[in-house]
Amino acid sequence: MGYPDDALAADEELLLHRHPHWKMLLLPAVTFIAATAVAGFVGGLAQARLDGTARTVALLVILVAWLAMVGWRCLGPLITWKSTHFIVTDRRVLIRHGVFTHTGIDIPMGRISNVQFRHGLLDRMLRTGTLVIGSAADDPLEFDDVPDVQRVHSLLYHQVFDAMNLQRDERGAVDFGVSDPDLPDNDDTGSRRARRGWRR
């Protein structure tokens, strides 16, 4: 069993697992192609115009510069993308990121008060956007570059709605659980009272 299944409770159901949208890798990919092209061109010039030790030193310098550029501008963002997880279960929303220092946020479904998303024209074309999750006690949390942000928004909305219904049912069972022996078994007056009590 791989991540994130092994990080969930025994009876917790995984509904969604995403990395950030691939658009955050677009600039590193372009950088990799450009750096490789430039390194190849300069290396070709060094081989054609230099001899002996000078050529060897020049090629080594070009290789080191290429490795430094790729490691800094390409490999770093790739590792960051791979180590960032957006997870939705039937109980909570989990965000995990970091390679050496791990950072995590857990938001229980029952504490989410609203879910919003926003995306511009380019984000709509790429099917991504920013997801905003608000809770009753804390400031809203924003998560950028969420793939299929509208689908994630819809999924979260339904999960939050189900959690609210569950809380309402539990509160109704506590407040209005004593049945009237004079009422028939199929009478739903108690249920209506529970709903009115929850609305108040």
C-alpha atoms as a PDB file:
ATOM      1  CA  MET A   1       0.000   0.000   0.000  1.00  0.00           C
ATOM      2  CA  GLY A   2       1.529   3.293  -1.102  1.00  0.00           C
ATOM      3  CA  TYR A   3       1.144   6.922  -0.131  1.00  0.00           C
ATOM      4  CA  PRO A   4      -1.338   8.339   0.791  1.00  0.00           C
ATOM      5  CA  ASP A   5      -3.311   5.172   1.584  1.00  0.00           C
ATOM      6  CA  ASP A   6      -0.855   4.207   4.303  1.00  0.00           C
ATOM      7  CA  ALA A   7      -1.357   7.606   5.985  1.00  0.00           C
ATOM      8  CA  LEU A   8      -5.126   7.215   6.362  1.00  0.00           C
ATOM      9  CA  ALA A   9      -7.143   5.727   9.185  1.00  0.00           C
ATOM     10  CA  ALA A  10      -8.357   2.159   8.833  1.00  0.00           C
ATOM     11  CA  ASP A  11     -11.919   3.117   7.883  1.00  0.00           C
ATOM     12  CA  GLU A  12     -11.066   6.362   6.048  1.00  0.00           C
ATOM     13  CA  GLU A  13     -11.838   6.436   2.327  1.00  0.00           C
ATOM     14  CA  LEU A  14      -9.538   8.162  -0.156  1.00  0.00           C
ATOM     15  CA  LEU A  15     -11.561  10.218  -2.640  1.00  0.00           C
ATOM     16  CA  LEU A  16      -8.943  12.332  -4.415  1.00  0.00           C
ATOM     17  CA  HIS A  17      -5.164  12.589  -4.619  1.00  0.00           C
ATOM     18  CA  ARG A  18      -3.544  15.255  -6.785  1.00  0.00           C
ATOM     19  CA  HIS A  19      -0.218  16.952  -7.305  1.00  0.00           C
ATOM     20  CA  PRO A  20      -0.247  20.597  -8.437  1.00  0.00           C
ATOM     21  CA  HIS A  21      -1.126  21.231 -12.057  1.00  0.00           C
ATOM     22  CA  TRP A  22       1.570  20.476 -14.610  1.00  0.00           C
ATOM     23  CA  LYS A  23       1.686  24.136 -15.640  1.00  0.00           C
ATOM     24  CA  MET A  24       4.107  24.785 -12.764  1.00  0.00           C
ATOM     25  CA  LEU A  25       6.550  22.516 -14.616  1.00  0.00           C
ATOM     26  CA  LEU A  26       6.237  24.408 -17.903  1.00  0.00           C
ATOM     27  CA  LEU A  27       8.942  26.991 -17.143  1.00  0.00           C
ATOM     28  CA  PRO A  28      11.405  24.363 -15.823  1.00  0.00           C
ATOM     29  CA  ALA A  29      10.831  22.314 -18.987  1.00  0.00           C
ATOM     30  CA  VAL A  30      11.498  25.330 -21.213  1.00  0.00           C
ATOM     31  CA  THR A  31      14.573  26.156 -19.119  1.00  0.00           C
ATOM     32  CA  PHE A  32      15.866  22.602 -19.518  1.00  0.00           C
ATOM     33  CA  ILE A  33      15.454  22.696 -23.298  1.00  0.00           C
ATOM     34  CA  ALA A  34      17.054  26.136 -23.607  1.00  0.00           C
ATOM     35  CA  ALA A  35      19.957  25.286 -21.282  1.00  0.00           C
ATOM     36  CA  THR A  36      20.617  22.053 -23.142  1.00  0.00           C
ATOM     37  CA  ALA A  37      20.538  23.812 -26.511  1.00  0.00           C
ATOM     38  CA  VAL A  38      22.899  26.563 -25.358  1.00  0.00           C
ATOM     39  CA  ALA A  39      25.262  24.066 -23.713  1.00  0.00           C
ATOM     40  CA  GLY A  40      25.319  21.961 -26.873  1.00  0.00           C
ATOM     41  CA  PHE A  41      26.003  24.974 -29.080  1.00  0.00           C
ATOM     42  CA  VAL A  42      28.788  26.337 -26.864  1.00  0.00           C
ATOM     43  CA  GLY A  43      30.245  22.853 -26.473  1.00  0.00           C
ATOM     44  CA  GLY A  44      30.326  22.473 -30.243  1.00  0.00           C
ATOM     45  CA  LEU A  45      32.172  25.762 -30.594  1.00  0.00           C
ATOM     46  CA  ALA A  46      34.667  24.696 -27.921  1.00  0.00           C
ATOM     47  CA  GLN A  47      35.369  21.434 -29.698  1.00  0.00           C
ATOM     48  CA  ALA A  48      35.808  23.153 -33.029  1.00  0.00           C
ATOM     49  CA  ARG A  49      38.021  26.049 -31.914  1.00  0.00           C
ATOM     50  CA  LEU A  50      40.004  24.731 -28.956  1.00  0.00           C
ATOM     51  CA  ASP A  51      42.555  21.970 -28.637  1.00  0.00           C
ATOM     52  CA  GLY A  52      44.033  19.839 -25.908  1.00  0.00           C
ATOM     53  CA  THR A  53      43.694  20.922 -22.301  1.00  0.00           C
ATOM     54  CA  ALA A  54      41.855  24.135 -23.124  1.00  0.00           C
ATOM     55  CA  ARG A  55      39.090  22.198 -24.862  1.00  0.00           C
ATOM     56  CA  THR A  56      38.790  19.741 -21.974  1.00  0.00           C
ATOM     57  CA  VAL A  57      38.578  22.534 -19.416  1.00  0.00           C
ATOM     58  CA  ALA A  58      35.998  24.417 -21.495  1.00  0.00           C
ATOM     59  CA  LEU A  59      33.825  21.314 -21.871  1.00  0.00           C
ATOM     60  CA  LEU A  60      34.011  20.642 -18.141  1.00  0.00           C
ATOM     61  CA  VAL A  61      33.015  24.225 -17.363  1.00  0.00           C
ATOM     62  CA  ILE A  62      30.078  23.976 -19.773  1.00  0.00           C
ATOM     63  CA  LEU A  63      28.978  20.665 -18.221  1.00  0.00           C
ATOM     64  CA  VAL A  64      29.168  22.054 -14.679  1.00  0.00           C
ATOM     65  CA  ALA A  65      27.231  25.174 -15.696  1.00  0.00           C
ATOM     66  CA  TRP A  66      24.565  23.012 -17.392  1.00  0.00           C
ATOM     67  CA  LEU A  67      24.242  20.753 -14.345  1.00  0.00           C
ATOM     68  CA  ALA A  68      23.962  23.756 -12.020  1.00  0.00           C
ATOM     69  CA  MET A  69      21.276  25.366 -14.164  1.00  0.00           C
ATOM     70  CA  VAL A  70      19.282  22.146 -14.531  1.00  0.00           C
ATOM     71  CA  GLY A  71      19.552  21.331 -10.833  1.00  0.00           C
ATOM     72  CA  TRP A  72      18.550  24.823  -9.726  1.00  0.00           C
ATOM     73  CA  ARG A  73      15.845  25.722 -12.232  1.00  0.00           C
ATOM     74  CA  CYS A  74      14.520  22.299 -13.269  1.00  0.00           C
ATOM     75  CA  LEU A  75      15.196  19.540 -10.764  1.00  0.00           C
ATOM     76  CA  GLY A  76      14.211  21.643  -7.730  1.00  0.00           C
ATOM     77  CA  PRO A  77      10.746  22.572  -9.050  1.00  0.00           C
ATOM     78  CA  LEU A  78      10.201  18.966 -10.187  1.00  0.00           C
ATOM     79  CA  ILE A  79      10.943  17.623  -6.706  1.00  0.00           C
ATOM     80  CA  THR A  80       8.730  20.308  -5.156  1.00  0.00           C
ATOM     81  CA  TRP A  81       5.890  19.364  -7.509  1.00  0.00           C
ATOM     82  CA  LYS A  82       6.298  15.662  -6.782  1.00  0.00           C
ATOM     83  CA  SER A  83       6.397  16.157  -3.015  1.00  0.00           C
ATOM     84  CA  THR A  84       3.273  18.344  -2.880  1.00  0.00           C
ATOM     85  CA  HIS A  85       0.052  16.424  -2.302  1.00  0.00           C
ATOM     86  CA  PHE A  86      -3.567  17.582  -2.228  1.00  0.00           C
ATOM     87  CA  ILE A  87      -5.709  14.823  -0.732  1.00  0.00           C
ATOM     88  CA  VAL A  88      -9.441  14.571  -0.068  1.00  0.00           C
ATOM     89  CA  THR A  89     -10.961  11.793   2.016  1.00  0.00           C
ATOM     90  CA  ASP A  90     -14.460  11.264   3.349  1.00  0.00           C
ATOM     91  CA  ARG A  91     -13.320  12.890   6.622  1.00  0.00           C
ATOM     92  CA  ARG A  92     -10.823  15.635   5.852  1.00  0.00           C
ATOM     93  CA  VAL A  93      -8.699  17.586   3.403  1.00  0.00           C
ATOM     94  CA  LEU A  94      -4.954  16.973   3.680  1.00  0.00           C
ATOM     95  CA  ILE A  95      -2.155  19.062   2.202  1.00  0.00           C
ATOM     96  CA  ARG A  96       1.388  17.759   2.418  1.00  0.00           C
ATOM     97  CA  HIS A  97       4.530  19.297   0.958  1.00  0.00           C
ATOM     98  CA  GLY A  98       8.245  19.404   1.541  1.00  0.00           C
ATOM     99  CA  VAL A  99      11.205  17.116   0.937  1.00  0.00           C
ATOM    100  CA  PHE A 100      13.519  17.454   3.928  1.00  0.00           C
ATOM    101  CA  THR A 101      11.098  19.414   6.098  1.00  0.00           C
ATOM    102  CA  HIS A 102       7.551  18.116   5.771  1.00  0.00           C
ATOM    103  CA  THR A 103       4.637  20.478   6.296  1.00  0.00           C
ATOM    104  CA  GLY A 104       1.048  19.329   6.600  1.00  0.00           C
ATOM    105  CA  ILE A 105      -2.413  20.802   6.993  1.00  0.00           C
ATOM    106  CA  ASP A 106      -5.475  18.750   7.939  1.00  0.00           C
ATOM    107  CA  ILE A 107      -8.940  20.290   7.643  1.00  0.00           C
ATOM    108  CA  PRO A 108     -11.830  18.176   8.988  1.00  0.00           C
ATOM    109  CA  MET A 109     -14.897  18.227   6.758  1.00  0.00           C
ATOM    110  CA  GLY A 110     -17.062  19.281   9.669  1.00  0.00           C
ATOM    111  CA  ARG A 111     -15.070  22.499  10.142  1.00  0.00           C
ATOM    112  CA  ILE A 112     -15.251  23.702   6.542  1.00  0.00           C
ATOM    113  CA  SER A 113     -17.769  26.525   6.237  1.00  0.00           C
ATOM    114  CA  ASN A 114     -17.421  27.338   2.533  1.00  0.00           C
ATOM    115  CA  VAL A 115     -15.526  26.279  -0.564  1.00  0.00           C
ATOM    116  CA  GLN A 116     -14.711  28.646  -3.444  1.00  0.00           C
ATOM    117  CA  PHE A 117     -12.595  28.584  -6.559  1.00  0.00           C
ATOM    118  CA  ARG A 118     -11.339  31.128  -9.045  1.00  0.00           C
ATOM    119  CA  HIS A 119      -9.527  30.867 -12.344  1.00  0.00           C
ATOM    120  CA  GLY A 120      -8.757  33.203 -15.196  1.00  0.00           C
ATOM    121  CA  LEU A 121      -8.971  32.564 -18.917  1.00  0.00           C
ATOM    122  CA  LEU A 122      -5.659  30.698 -19.127  1.00  0.00           C
ATOM    123  CA  ASP A 123      -6.493  28.607 -16.074  1.00  0.00           C
ATOM    124  CA  ARG A 124      -9.863  27.702 -17.573  1.00  0.00           C
ATOM    125  CA  MET A 125      -8.128  26.555 -20.749  1.00  0.00           C
ATOM    126  CA  LEU A 126      -5.720  24.444 -18.692  1.00  0.00           C
ATOM    127  CA  ARG A 127      -8.476  23.238 -16.341  1.00  0.00           C
ATOM    128  CA  THR A 128      -6.818  24.509 -13.199  1.00  0.00           C
ATOM    129  CA  GLY A 129      -7.285  27.283 -10.680  1.00  0.00           C
ATOM    130  CA  THR A 130      -7.130  28.377  -7.057  1.00  0.00           C
ATOM    131  CA  LEU A 131      -9.210  26.611  -4.439  1.00  0.00           C
ATOM    132  CA  VAL A 132     -10.240  28.610  -1.363  1.00  0.00           C
ATOM    133  CA  ILE A 133     -11.337  26.676   1.731  1.00  0.00           C
ATOM    134  CA  GLY A 134     -12.902  28.620   4.587  1.00  0.00           C
ATOM    135  CA  SER A 135     -13.427  27.319   8.103  1.00  0.00           C
ATOM    136  CA  ALA A 136     -15.476  28.657  10.953  1.00  0.00           C
ATOM    137  CA  ALA A 137     -12.539  29.649  13.165  1.00  0.00           C
ATOM    138  CA  ASP A 138      -9.586  30.325  10.855  1.00  0.00           C
ATOM    139  CA  ASP A 139      -8.795  32.539   7.900  1.00  0.00           C
ATOM    140  CA  PRO A 140      -9.503  31.037   4.461  1.00  0.00           C
ATOM    141  CA  LEU A 141      -6.755  28.874   3.003  1.00  0.00           C
ATOM    142  CA  GLU A 142      -5.832  29.226  -0.671  1.00  0.00           C
ATOM    143  CA  PHE A 143      -4.328  26.444  -2.758  1.00  0.00           C
ATOM    144  CA  ASP A 144      -2.990  27.398  -6.172  1.00  0.00           C
ATOM    145  CA  ASP A 145      -2.686  25.292  -9.315  1.00  0.00           C
ATOM    146  CA  VAL A 146      -5.266  22.668  -8.303  1.00  0.00           C
ATOM    147  CA  PRO A 147      -5.979  20.415 -11.311  1.00  0.00           C
ATOM    148  CA  ASP A 148      -9.659  20.102 -12.331  1.00  0.00           C
ATOM    149  CA  VAL A 149     -10.459  22.746  -9.740  1.00  0.00           C
ATOM    150  CA  GLN A 150     -14.184  22.782 -10.576  1.00  0.00           C
ATOM    151  CA  ARG A 151     -14.440  19.029 -10.060  1.00  0.00           C
ATOM    152  CA  VAL A 152     -12.528  19.291  -6.776  1.00  0.00           C
ATOM    153  CA  HIS A 153     -14.791  22.150  -5.689  1.00  0.00           C
ATOM    154  CA  SER A 154     -17.888  20.081  -6.455  1.00  0.00           C
ATOM    155  CA  LEU A 155     -16.493  17.051  -4.626  1.00  0.00           C
ATOM    156  CA  LEU A 156     -15.646  19.102  -1.554  1.00  0.00           C
ATOM    157  CA  TYR A 157     -19.032  20.806  -1.594  1.00  0.00           C
ATOM    158  CA  HIS A 158     -20.833  17.461  -1.527  1.00  0.00           C
ATOM    159  CA  GLN A 159     -18.553  16.103   1.199  1.00  0.00           C
ATOM    160  CA  VAL A 160     -19.083  19.200   3.354  1.00  0.00           C
ATOM    161  CA  PHE A 161     -22.840  18.996   2.750  1.00  0.00           C
ATOM    162  CA  ASP A 162     -22.836  15.343   3.828  1.00  0.00           C
ATOM    163  CA  ALA A 163     -20.802  16.201   6.933  1.00  0.00           C
ATOM    164  CA  MET A 164     -23.272  18.952   7.833  1.00  0.00           C
ATOM    165  CA  ASN A 165     -26.181  16.542   7.403  1.00  0.00           C
ATOM    166  CA  LEU A 166     -24.430  13.999   9.619  1.00  0.00           C
ATOM    167  CA  GLN A 167     -23.857  16.618  12.311  1.00  0.00           C
ATOM    168  CA  ARG A 168     -27.472  17.708  12.028  1.00  0.00           C
ATOM    169  CA  ASP A 169     -28.700  14.132  12.373  1.00  0.00           C
ATOM    170  CA  GLU A 170     -26.458  13.520  15.382  1.00  0.00           C
ATOM    171  CA  ARG A 171     -27.618  16.718  17.049  1.00  0.00           C
ATOM    172  CA  GLY A 172     -31.235  15.833  16.317  1.00  0.00           C
ATOM    173  CA  ALA A 173     -30.726  12.378  17.810  1.00  0.00           C
ATOM    174  CA  VAL A 174     -29.306  13.918  20.980  1.00  0.00           C
ATOM    175  CA  ASP A 175     -31.837  16.705  21.365  1.00  0.00           C
ATOM    176  CA  PHE A 176     -34.957  14.963  20.205  1.00  0.00           C
ATOM    177  CA  GLY A 177     -34.185  11.275  20.572  1.00  0.00           C
ATOM    178  CA  VAL A 178     -36.921  10.539  23.130  1.00  0.00           C
ATOM    179  CA  SER A 179     -39.876   9.205  21.207  1.00  0.00           C
ATOM    180  CA  ASP A 180     -43.474   9.815  22.245  1.00  0.00           C
ATOM    181  CA  PRO A 181     -45.164   6.466  22.923  1.00  0.00           C
ATOM    182  CA  ASP A 182     -48.484   7.982  21.780  1.00  0.00           C
ATOM    183  CA  LEU A 183     -47.109   8.604  18.286  1.00  0.00           C
ATOM    184  CA  PRO A 184     -47.209   5.824  15.690  1.00  0.00           C
ATOM    185  CA  ASP A 185     -43.919   4.307  14.559  1.00  0.00           C
ATOM    186  CA  ASN A 186     -44.085   5.858  11.095  1.00  0.00           C
ATOM    187  CA  ASP A 187     -44.692   9.386  12.378  1.00  0.00           C
ATOM    188  CA  ASP A 188     -41.811  11.727  11.494  1.00  0.00           C
ATOM    189  CA  THR A 189     -42.726  14.555  13.881  1.00  0.00           C
ATOM    190  CA  GLY A 190     -39.518  14.006  15.807  1.00  0.00           C
ATOM    191  CA  SER A 191     -37.500  14.334  12.599  1.00  0.00           C
ATOM    192  CA  ARG A 192     -39.259  17.589  11.760  1.00  0.00           C
ATOM    193  CA  ARG A 193     -38.527  18.889  15.260  1.00  0.00           C
ATOM    194  CA  ALA A 194     -34.876  17.973  14.819  1.00  0.00           C
ATOM    195  CA  ARG A 195     -34.695  19.869  11.560  1.00  0.00           C
ATOM    196  CA  ARG A 196     -36.368  22.929  13.071  1.00  0.00           C
ATOM    197  CA  GLY A 197     -34.017  22.787  16.065  1.00  0.00           C
ATOM    198  CA  TRP A 198     -30.942  22.607  13.760  1.00  0.00           C
ATOM    199  CA  ARG A 199     -32.089  25.632  11.757  1.00  0.00           C
ATOM    200  CA  ARG A 200     -32.435  27.682  14.923  1.00  0.00           C
END
